[in-house]
Amino acid sequence: MLMTISSNSGLPKFLPTLIPTLLLLLLPLFFHTTYSQTTNYTQSRQALEIIIGGGGDPTSPPPDCPPPPPQPEPLIFESKRIEQAYYVIQRFKKKITCDPKGIKATWQGPDVCRNYKGFFCDTLLSTREKTLAGVTFNGYNFDGPDLSIDGFIDGLQDIIVFHANSNGFKGRIPTNIRKLQSLFELDLSNNNYTGGFPYEILGASNLTFLDLRFNRFSGSVPVQVFTLDLDVLFINNNLFFQNLPSELGSSPALYISLANNGFTGQIPASIGRAGDTLLEILLLNNRLSGCLPCEIGNLRKLTLFDATRNFLTGPIPASFACLGEMQYLNLGKNELYGPVPEMVCKLPNLSSLTLSENYFTQVGPECRKLIEKRVLHVDRNCIAGLPGQRSPAECWAFFRRAKRCADGRWFHWMPCGGQKGHHPPPVRPPLPPPRGHRPPPSPRAYRALDPYGL
């Protein structure tokens, strides 16, 4: 190719026209390189921002949400009443902060009747509907700063039995307990109750079993307690103090324990009105005084009478010979005196006659037979010729200050034998037990003296 060179510039003549052409050719390459670098920078910056949490492209769609957790299966209860009881139990469960036996762990799920320890169910006769009928927390040792039956027992509308011996219950008794028309047994023994007698219980008018022993209730016992239609009344081992009311004889209870309190005064003569019902009564370890009322002889069904460790005085009334069902007659550690009545020693069912630590002066041949059989206990009395008696000086000092009973003539009255001085009719001896017969269990009232008993 021939080139023409200008004499003025020394450059080829076509070069000025070639430069624009070259620029047009190089310009796309320049923009491509710049765009690639910009894109790479932007992508790198976005990646960096994503790494350090700065987000990404705001126009990009959000990530998919995780699926929702599966819904719990619905609770299916045997009846509407069981469902109501379930929620009452779950609320009460939160009050228990001490559960050494792990009982609460069984209170899970809707099957209250089969799985929940301490509860049992029954069927309502009127509607044939399953309902929660009983609570048996005996010996569970539940405790908690707010552990009470308020809001619990009164939420169980069909409850029949509530037994909670040996726990840490405290606080008030709900007034709505009066609405529990089916509540027949209430046992709050050996808990942490304090204060006066819980009057709210008087509203539970259908009770047949009331056990408040081994708490720290104090003050007086309302006389209405002795007019409740109870079979069992156990209020021993509290801090009650008052004279025994005359209403004691109005109680229809079969078993009464007032032991280990601070009851004072005389045993009321009205006790004789309970002759058709009373089987066992414990009055031991109080501060009772005065003479034994002869009306006790009217208690023809009585099998246990224990007034040990009081300040009773005077002779044993002759009417005690009418206690034909008596098995355990305990009058030890009092200030009783006089001869031990021979007719009392002839009671046919007597297993124990304890007169120790009194001031009796004489025993006849029938009583001596019981001493030999170790049925009659008369140690530390003033009986001449028997071992283990008080000293003559001690006996003499007592008789110088001994209290006399108001009307000694009544001590010869015998309700089972007619006029004064008459002996009771002869009592047929009991039939021998059949072969293989087991002896009767110890008296029920004595078991009330054990905080964990019954």
Protein backbone atom coordinates (compact mmCIF):
# COMPACT_ATOMS: atom_id res chain seq x y z
CA MET A 1 0.00 0.00 0.00
CA LEU A 2 1.27 3.43 -0.90
CA MET A 3 0.96 6.10 1.73
CA THR A 4 1.03 9.78 1.17
CA ILE A 5 2.89 11.74 3.82
CA SER A 6 2.14 15.34 4.34
CA SER A 7 5.03 17.61 4.40
CA ASN A 8 3.57 19.66 7.23
CA SER A 9 2.93 16.96 9.90
CA GLY A 10 4.98 14.03 8.80
CA LEU A 11 1.86 11.71 9.38
CA PRO A 12 0.12 9.68 6.79
CA LYS A 13 -2.79 11.51 5.20
CA PHE A 14 -5.40 8.83 6.04
CA LEU A 15 -4.68 8.73 9.77
CA PRO A 16 -7.10 11.50 10.72
CA THR A 17 -9.96 9.56 9.22
CA LEU A 18 -8.80 6.27 10.74
CA ILE A 19 -8.84 7.41 14.41
CA PRO A 20 -12.62 7.84 14.68
CA THR A 21 -13.09 4.44 13.19
CA LEU A 22 -10.75 2.90 15.74
CA LEU A 23 -12.56 4.65 18.61
CA LEU A 24 -15.90 3.25 17.46
CA LEU A 25 -14.37 -0.21 17.43
CA LEU A 26 -12.76 0.09 20.90
CA LEU A 27 -15.71 1.76 22.70
CA PRO A 28 -17.90 -1.42 23.09
CA LEU A 29 -14.91 -3.28 24.50
CA PHE A 30 -14.39 -0.50 27.08
CA PHE A 31 -18.01 -0.54 28.25
CA HIS A 32 -18.05 -4.34 28.48
CA THR A 33 -14.97 -4.33 30.71
CA THR A 34 -16.38 -1.57 32.95
CA TYR A 35 -19.78 -3.27 33.26
CA SER A 36 -18.16 -6.59 34.19
CA GLN A 37 -16.10 -4.96 36.91
CA THR A 38 -19.15 -3.09 38.26
CA THR A 39 -21.26 -6.23 38.28
CA ASN A 40 -18.56 -8.21 40.03
CA TYR A 41 -18.21 -5.46 42.65
CA THR A 42 -21.95 -5.28 43.24
CA GLN A 43 -22.29 -9.03 43.58
CA SER A 44 -19.33 -9.16 45.97
CA ARG A 45 -20.82 -6.36 48.09
CA GLN A 46 -24.20 -8.07 48.22
CA ALA A 47 -22.58 -11.31 49.27
CA LEU A 48 -20.64 -9.49 51.99
CA GLU A 49 -23.77 -7.74 53.23
CA ILE A 50 -25.60 -11.09 53.44
CA ILE A 51 -22.71 -12.60 55.42
CA ILE A 52 -22.62 -9.79 58.00
CA GLY A 53 -26.43 -9.59 58.28
CA GLY A 54 -26.95 -6.53 56.18
CA GLY A 55 -29.69 -8.15 54.12
CA GLY A 56 -29.75 -8.70 50.45
CA ASP A 57 -31.77 -7.57 47.60
CA PRO A 58 -34.92 -6.02 49.07
CA THR A 59 -36.86 -7.13 46.07
CA SER A 60 -35.99 -10.84 46.58
CA PRO A 61 -38.86 -13.01 48.01
CA PRO A 62 -38.69 -13.92 51.74
CA PRO A 63 -37.69 -17.46 52.66
CA ASP A 64 -40.45 -20.00 53.32
CA CYS A 65 -41.75 -20.17 56.98
CA PRO A 66 -41.33 -23.46 58.87
CA PRO A 67 -44.48 -25.52 59.19
CA PRO A 68 -46.52 -24.92 62.41
CA PRO A 69 -46.12 -27.45 65.25
CA PRO A 70 -48.68 -30.24 65.35
CA GLN A 71 -51.79 -29.43 67.34
CA PRO A 72 -52.24 -31.43 70.60
CA GLU A 73 -54.88 -34.07 70.51
CA PRO A 74 -58.12 -32.95 72.15
CA LEU A 75 -58.77 -34.26 75.68
CA ILE A 76 -61.60 -36.75 75.79
CA PHE A 77 -63.22 -37.29 79.19
CA GLU A 78 -65.59 -39.97 80.41
CA SER A 79 -68.16 -37.34 81.34
CA LYS A 80 -68.67 -33.64 81.78
CA ARG A 81 -68.29 -34.04 85.54
CA ILE A 82 -64.91 -35.73 85.13
CA GLU A 83 -63.83 -32.87 82.86
CA GLN A 84 -64.78 -30.34 85.54
CA ALA A 85 -62.88 -32.33 88.16
CA TYR A 86 -59.83 -32.48 85.86
CA TYR A 87 -59.46 -28.70 85.78
CA VAL A 88 -60.00 -28.44 89.55
CA ILE A 89 -57.21 -30.97 90.10
CA GLN A 90 -54.84 -29.19 87.72
CA ARG A 91 -55.33 -25.89 89.59
CA PHE A 92 -54.85 -27.59 92.95
CA LYS A 93 -51.74 -29.34 91.69
CA LYS A 94 -49.92 -26.00 91.49
CA LYS A 95 -50.28 -25.52 95.25
CA ILE A 96 -48.23 -28.63 96.00
CA THR A 97 -44.55 -27.74 96.16
CA CYS A 98 -43.47 -30.77 98.19
CA ASP A 99 -44.45 -34.18 96.84
CA PRO A 100 -41.97 -36.72 98.25
CA LYS A 101 -43.79 -39.72 96.80
CA GLY A 102 -44.20 -38.31 93.30
CA ILE A 103 -47.96 -38.56 93.37
CA LYS A 104 -48.51 -35.51 91.14
CA ALA A 105 -46.71 -37.22 88.26
CA THR A 106 -49.75 -39.46 87.82
CA TRP A 107 -52.10 -36.50 87.45
CA GLN A 108 -51.65 -36.26 83.68
CA GLY A 109 -54.14 -36.62 80.88
CA PRO A 110 -57.90 -37.02 80.87
CA ASP A 111 -58.16 -40.51 82.42
CA VAL A 112 -58.71 -39.28 85.97
CA CYS A 113 -60.52 -42.38 87.20
CA ARG A 114 -57.86 -44.91 86.22
CA ASN A 115 -54.54 -43.09 86.41
CA TYR A 116 -54.74 -40.42 89.09
CA LYS A 117 -53.41 -41.67 92.43
CA GLY A 118 -55.40 -40.48 95.40
CA PHE A 119 -58.72 -40.22 93.57
CA PHE A 120 -61.52 -42.65 92.88
CA CYS A 121 -64.71 -42.40 90.85
CA ASP A 122 -68.20 -43.75 90.97
CA THR A 123 -71.41 -43.55 88.95
CA LEU A 124 -74.24 -41.23 89.89
CA LEU A 125 -77.40 -43.21 90.48
CA SER A 126 -79.62 -40.42 89.19
CA THR A 127 -77.95 -39.85 85.82
CA ARG A 128 -75.67 -42.90 85.42
CA GLU A 129 -72.85 -40.43 84.80
CA LYS A 130 -69.30 -41.10 85.93
CA THR A 131 -68.06 -38.62 88.55
CA LEU A 132 -65.18 -38.13 90.96
CA ALA A 133 -66.40 -39.50 94.30
CA GLY A 134 -63.44 -39.60 96.65
CA VAL A 135 -60.05 -38.20 97.64
CA THR A 136 -57.65 -40.35 99.67
CA PHE A 137 -54.40 -38.48 100.35
CA ASN A 138 -53.54 -40.31 103.58
CA GLY A 139 -49.80 -40.39 104.19
CA TYR A 140 -48.81 -38.55 101.00
CA ASN A 141 -47.01 -35.78 102.96
CA PHE A 142 -48.04 -33.07 100.52
CA ASP A 143 -46.95 -29.56 101.52
CA GLY A 144 -46.64 -26.05 100.19
CA PRO A 145 -46.87 -22.49 101.52
CA ASP A 146 -50.42 -22.11 100.16
CA LEU A 147 -51.59 -25.70 100.50
CA SER A 148 -55.25 -25.57 101.50
CA ILE A 149 -58.46 -27.32 100.57
CA ASP A 150 -60.12 -23.98 99.78
CA GLY A 151 -60.95 -23.97 96.09
CA PHE A 152 -60.31 -27.70 95.87
CA ILE A 153 -62.77 -29.73 97.91
CA ASP A 154 -65.58 -27.29 97.14
CA GLY A 155 -64.88 -27.69 93.42
CA LEU A 156 -65.58 -31.43 93.55
CA GLN A 157 -69.36 -31.25 93.55
CA ASP A 158 -70.11 -34.96 94.00
CA ILE A 159 -67.42 -35.89 96.50
CA ILE A 160 -68.38 -38.42 99.16
CA VAL A 161 -65.10 -39.04 100.98
CA PHE A 162 -62.20 -36.65 101.63
CA HIS A 163 -59.36 -38.25 103.62
CA ALA A 164 -56.11 -36.28 103.93
CA ASN A 165 -54.37 -37.62 107.04
CA SER A 166 -50.68 -36.71 107.47
CA ASN A 167 -50.10 -33.84 105.06
CA GLY A 168 -49.33 -30.13 105.36
CA PHE A 169 -52.77 -28.67 104.80
CA LYS A 170 -53.46 -25.34 106.46
CA GLY A 171 -55.56 -22.21 106.02
CA ARG A 172 -59.31 -21.85 106.00
CA ILE A 173 -62.06 -24.34 105.39
CA PRO A 174 -64.23 -23.09 102.49
CA THR A 175 -67.71 -21.92 103.40
CA ASN A 176 -69.00 -23.60 100.25
CA ILE A 177 -68.40 -26.96 101.90
CA ARG A 178 -72.04 -26.71 102.95
CA LYS A 179 -73.01 -27.19 99.30
CA LEU A 180 -71.42 -30.62 99.14
CA GLN A 181 -74.59 -32.58 99.84
CA SER A 182 -72.89 -35.94 99.31
CA LEU A 183 -69.89 -35.34 101.62
CA PHE A 184 -70.13 -37.98 104.34
CA GLU A 185 -66.52 -38.36 105.52
CA LEU A 186 -64.01 -35.57 106.25
CA ASP A 187 -60.56 -36.44 107.62
CA LEU A 188 -58.12 -33.54 108.08
CA SER A 189 -56.14 -35.19 110.87
CA ASN A 190 -52.41 -34.72 111.43
CA ASN A 191 -52.06 -31.54 109.37
CA ASN A 192 -51.03 -27.96 110.17
CA TYR A 193 -54.35 -26.36 111.06
CA THR A 194 -54.38 -23.71 113.77
CA GLY A 195 -56.81 -21.24 115.31
CA GLY A 196 -60.33 -21.79 116.55
CA PHE A 197 -62.63 -24.62 115.67
CA PRO A 198 -63.52 -24.38 111.94
CA TYR A 199 -67.18 -23.41 112.14
CA GLU A 200 -67.53 -23.85 108.38
CA ILE A 201 -67.63 -27.61 108.97
CA LEU A 202 -70.96 -27.24 110.76
CA GLY A 203 -72.48 -26.44 107.36
CA ALA A 204 -71.61 -29.93 106.11
CA SER A 205 -74.75 -31.29 107.73
CA ASN A 206 -74.58 -34.73 106.09
CA LEU A 207 -71.25 -35.71 107.62
CA THR A 208 -71.11 -39.05 109.40
CA PHE A 209 -67.33 -39.12 109.98
CA LEU A 210 -65.36 -36.10 111.26
CA ASP A 211 -61.68 -36.43 112.13
CA LEU A 212 -59.71 -33.31 113.16
CA ARG A 213 -57.23 -34.93 115.54
CA PHE A 214 -53.53 -34.03 115.74
CA ASN A 215 -53.78 -30.41 114.70
CA ARG A 216 -53.43 -27.21 116.74
CA PHE A 217 -57.04 -26.10 116.92
CA SER A 218 -57.71 -24.21 120.13
CA GLY A 219 -60.44 -22.55 122.15
CA SER A 220 -63.88 -24.04 122.62
CA VAL A 221 -65.78 -26.59 120.60
CA PRO A 222 -69.20 -25.35 119.45
CA VAL A 223 -72.01 -27.34 121.01
CA GLN A 224 -73.46 -27.89 117.53
CA VAL A 225 -70.67 -30.40 116.92
CA PHE A 226 -72.34 -32.75 119.39
CA THR A 227 -75.66 -32.51 117.58
CA LEU A 228 -74.30 -33.38 114.13
CA ASP A 229 -75.57 -36.75 112.93
CA LEU A 230 -72.13 -38.34 113.19
CA ASP A 231 -71.02 -41.92 113.67
CA VAL A 232 -67.42 -40.91 114.39
CA LEU A 233 -66.16 -37.76 116.13
CA PHE A 234 -62.38 -37.59 116.65
CA ILE A 235 -60.98 -34.26 117.87
CA ASN A 236 -58.26 -35.59 120.17
CA ASN A 237 -54.74 -34.15 120.37
CA ASN A 238 -55.60 -30.50 119.85
CA LEU A 239 -55.57 -27.51 122.21
CA PHE A 240 -59.29 -27.27 123.02
CA PHE A 241 -60.15 -26.06 126.51
CA GLN A 242 -63.60 -25.69 128.04
CA ASN A 243 -66.00 -27.49 130.35
CA LEU A 244 -67.55 -30.50 128.71
CA PRO A 245 -70.97 -29.31 127.48
CA SER A 246 -74.17 -31.05 128.46
CA GLU A 247 -74.80 -31.58 124.73
CA LEU A 248 -72.20 -34.37 124.87
CA GLY A 249 -75.06 -36.72 125.67
CA SER A 250 -76.99 -35.55 122.61
CA SER A 251 -74.41 -36.85 120.19
CA PRO A 252 -75.53 -39.88 118.19
CA ALA A 253 -71.90 -40.80 117.55
CA LEU A 254 -70.77 -44.38 118.06
CA TYR A 255 -67.13 -43.42 118.60
CA ILE A 256 -65.98 -40.24 120.36
CA SER A 257 -62.41 -39.23 121.15
CA LEU A 258 -61.79 -36.00 123.09
CA ALA A 259 -58.46 -37.21 124.49
CA ASN A 260 -55.31 -35.14 124.97
CA ASN A 261 -56.89 -31.69 125.11
CA GLY A 262 -57.65 -29.32 127.98
CA PHE A 263 -61.28 -30.14 128.74
CA THR A 264 -62.28 -29.28 132.31
CA GLY A 265 -65.18 -29.67 134.72
CA GLN A 266 -67.31 -32.71 135.42
CA ILE A 267 -68.41 -35.39 133.02
CA PRO A 268 -71.99 -34.25 132.38
CA ALA A 269 -74.77 -36.48 133.65
CA SER A 270 -76.41 -36.06 130.25
CA ILE A 271 -73.94 -38.59 128.88
CA GLY A 272 -76.43 -41.23 129.94
CA ARG A 273 -78.75 -40.16 127.11
CA ALA A 274 -76.39 -41.80 124.61
CA GLY A 275 -77.22 -45.27 125.87
CA ASP A 276 -78.63 -46.47 122.55
CA THR A 277 -75.68 -45.42 120.42
CA LEU A 278 -72.36 -44.81 122.19
CA LEU A 279 -69.87 -47.67 121.86
CA GLU A 280 -66.50 -46.09 122.69
CA ILE A 281 -65.43 -42.82 124.31
CA LEU A 282 -61.96 -41.50 125.13
CA LEU A 283 -61.64 -38.73 127.70
CA LEU A 284 -58.09 -39.45 128.82
CA ASN A 285 -55.42 -36.86 129.52
CA ASN A 286 -57.61 -33.82 130.10
CA ARG A 287 -58.32 -31.84 133.26
CA LEU A 288 -61.68 -33.31 134.17
CA SER A 289 -62.66 -33.24 137.83
CA GLY A 290 -65.53 -34.12 140.14
CA CYS A 291 -67.23 -37.46 140.62
CA LEU A 292 -68.17 -40.03 138.03
CA PRO A 293 -71.86 -39.60 137.16
CA CYS A 294 -73.95 -42.66 137.90
CA GLU A 295 -75.77 -42.05 134.59
CA ILE A 296 -72.82 -43.71 132.87
CA GLY A 297 -74.55 -46.94 133.88
CA ASN A 298 -77.19 -46.21 131.23
CA LEU A 299 -74.65 -46.70 128.43
CA ARG A 300 -75.70 -50.27 127.87
CA LYS A 301 -73.82 -50.63 124.55
CA LEU A 302 -70.58 -49.10 125.77
CA THR A 303 -67.50 -51.28 125.18
CA LEU A 304 -64.72 -48.76 125.94
CA PHE A 305 -64.58 -46.00 128.53
CA ASP A 306 -61.18 -44.39 129.17
CA ALA A 307 -60.82 -41.39 131.48
CA THR A 308 -57.19 -42.01 132.47
CA ARG A 309 -55.01 -39.09 133.67
CA ASN A 310 -57.60 -36.63 134.94
CA PHE A 311 -58.61 -35.37 138.39
CA LEU A 312 -61.73 -37.46 138.91
CA THR A 313 -62.53 -38.36 142.49
CA GLY A 314 -65.00 -40.33 144.61
CA PRO A 315 -66.00 -43.99 144.39
CA ILE A 316 -67.00 -45.95 141.31
CA PRO A 317 -70.82 -45.81 141.13
CA ALA A 318 -72.66 -49.09 141.53
CA SER A 319 -74.36 -48.39 138.19
CA PHE A 320 -71.15 -49.37 136.42
CA ALA A 321 -72.23 -52.95 137.08
CA CYS A 322 -74.86 -52.40 134.36
CA LEU A 323 -72.23 -51.98 131.64
CA GLY A 324 -72.71 -55.50 130.38
CA GLU A 325 -70.89 -54.93 127.05
CA MET A 326 -67.88 -53.25 128.62
CA GLN A 327 -64.51 -54.60 127.49
CA TYR A 328 -62.03 -51.83 128.36
CA LEU A 329 -62.67 -49.73 131.48
CA ASN A 330 -59.69 -47.52 132.26
CA LEU A 331 -59.78 -45.04 135.13
CA GLY A 332 -56.10 -44.99 136.13
CA LYS A 333 -54.17 -41.95 137.35
CA ASN A 334 -57.07 -40.13 139.00
CA GLU A 335 -58.08 -39.56 142.62
CA LEU A 336 -60.75 -42.23 142.92
CA TYR A 337 -61.17 -44.05 146.22
CA GLY A 338 -63.29 -46.55 148.13
CA PRO A 339 -63.74 -50.27 147.46
CA VAL A 340 -63.60 -51.65 143.95
CA PRO A 341 -67.18 -52.84 143.31
CA GLU A 342 -67.39 -56.60 143.12
CA MET A 343 -70.18 -56.40 140.56
CA VAL A 344 -67.92 -54.43 138.22
CA CYS A 345 -65.34 -57.21 138.46
CA LYS A 346 -68.08 -59.66 137.38
CA LEU A 347 -68.82 -57.91 134.08
CA PRO A 348 -68.90 -60.77 131.55
CA ASN A 349 -66.96 -59.19 128.65
CA LEU A 350 -64.27 -57.38 130.58
CA SER A 351 -60.82 -57.61 128.99
CA SER A 352 -59.06 -54.81 130.88
CA LEU A 353 -59.96 -52.96 134.08
CA THR A 354 -57.25 -50.43 134.88
CA LEU A 355 -57.52 -48.63 138.22
CA SER A 356 -53.81 -48.02 138.87
CA GLU A 357 -52.55 -44.87 140.62
CA ASN A 358 -55.70 -44.04 142.53
CA TYR A 359 -56.60 -44.46 146.22
CA PHE A 360 -58.81 -47.53 146.27
CA THR A 361 -58.85 -49.33 149.61
CA GLN A 362 -60.42 -52.73 149.10
CA VAL A 363 -60.91 -55.56 146.58
CA GLY A 364 -63.17 -58.59 147.04
CA PRO A 365 -62.73 -62.18 145.88
CA GLU A 366 -64.11 -61.58 142.37
CA CYS A 367 -61.70 -58.70 141.83
CA ARG A 368 -58.80 -60.74 143.16
CA LYS A 369 -59.52 -63.35 140.50
CA LEU A 370 -59.12 -60.65 137.86
CA ILE A 371 -55.86 -59.52 139.45
CA GLU A 372 -54.54 -63.07 139.12
CA LYS A 373 -55.62 -63.13 135.46
CA ARG A 374 -53.95 -59.74 134.91
CA VAL A 375 -57.23 -58.23 133.81
CA LEU A 376 -57.52 -55.92 136.83
CA HIS A 377 -54.62 -53.55 137.50
CA VAL A 378 -54.56 -51.86 140.91
CA ASP A 379 -50.92 -51.01 141.54
CA ARG A 380 -50.21 -47.81 143.50
CA ASN A 381 -53.45 -47.70 145.44
CA CYS A 382 -54.08 -48.09 149.17
CA ILE A 383 -55.17 -51.74 149.28
CA ALA A 384 -53.72 -53.55 152.28
CA GLY A 385 -52.04 -56.85 151.62
CA LEU A 386 -51.36 -56.25 147.91
CA PRO A 387 -47.89 -55.54 146.53
CA GLY A 388 -46.96 -52.31 144.78
CA GLN A 389 -49.24 -50.03 146.84
CA ARG A 390 -48.75 -46.49 148.07
CA SER A 391 -47.20 -45.91 151.45
CA PRO A 392 -49.55 -45.51 154.46
CA ALA A 393 -48.36 -41.94 154.88
CA GLU A 394 -49.24 -41.07 151.29
CA CYS A 395 -52.68 -42.64 151.64
CA TRP A 396 -53.33 -40.88 154.95
CA ALA A 397 -52.35 -37.52 153.48
CA PHE A 398 -54.80 -38.02 150.62
CA PHE A 399 -57.77 -38.99 152.76
CA ARG A 400 -57.30 -35.94 154.92
CA ARG A 401 -58.06 -33.77 151.89
CA ALA A 402 -60.25 -36.11 149.80
CA LYS A 403 -63.30 -34.51 148.22
CA ARG A 404 -66.71 -35.95 148.84
CA CYS A 405 -69.36 -36.32 146.18
CA ALA A 406 -72.45 -34.15 146.52
CA ASP A 407 -75.02 -36.90 147.07
CA GLY A 408 -73.56 -40.26 147.92
CA ARG A 409 -76.96 -41.96 147.80
CA TRP A 410 -76.88 -41.89 144.00
CA PHE A 411 -73.84 -44.15 144.01
CA HIS A 412 -76.06 -47.05 144.98
CA TRP A 413 -78.50 -46.48 142.09
CA MET A 414 -78.52 -49.21 139.45
CA PRO A 415 -80.52 -48.56 136.27
CA CYS A 416 -80.49 -52.24 135.34
CA GLY A 417 -81.57 -53.50 138.77
CA GLY A 418 -84.49 -51.44 139.97
CA GLN A 419 -84.41 -49.67 143.30
CA LYS A 420 -81.51 -48.48 145.35
CA GLY A 421 -79.38 -51.27 146.68
CA HIS A 422 -80.71 -53.92 144.30
CA HIS A 423 -78.24 -55.99 142.38
CA PRO A 424 -78.49 -56.26 138.61
CA PRO A 425 -80.01 -59.37 137.17
CA PRO A 426 -77.54 -62.14 136.50
CA VAL A 427 -75.83 -61.84 133.17
CA ARG A 428 -75.61 -64.89 130.97
CA PRO A 429 -71.95 -65.75 130.36
CA PRO A 430 -70.83 -65.34 126.77
CA LEU A 431 -70.75 -68.38 124.54
CA PRO A 432 -67.32 -69.84 123.85
CA PRO A 433 -65.89 -68.62 120.53
CA PRO A 434 -66.20 -70.99 117.59
CA ARG A 435 -63.19 -72.95 116.50
CA GLY A 436 -60.85 -70.80 114.43
CA HIS A 437 -62.43 -67.63 115.82
CA ARG A 438 -60.11 -64.62 115.86
CA PRO A 439 -60.18 -62.22 118.81
CA PRO A 440 -61.91 -58.88 118.14
CA PRO A 441 -59.66 -56.08 116.93
CA SER A 442 -58.46 -53.41 119.32
CA PRO A 443 -60.97 -50.63 119.91
CA ARG A 444 -61.33 -48.24 117.04
CA ALA A 445 -61.11 -45.19 119.27
CA TYR A 446 -57.68 -46.25 120.57
CA ARG A 447 -56.37 -46.25 117.02
CA ALA A 448 -57.24 -42.55 116.93
CA LEU A 449 -54.40 -41.94 119.39
CA ASP A 450 -51.92 -42.80 116.66
CA PRO A 451 -51.42 -39.77 114.36
CA TYR A 452 -51.11 -42.13 111.41
CA GLY A 453 -53.85 -44.50 112.61
CA LEU A 454 -57.16 -45.42 111.07
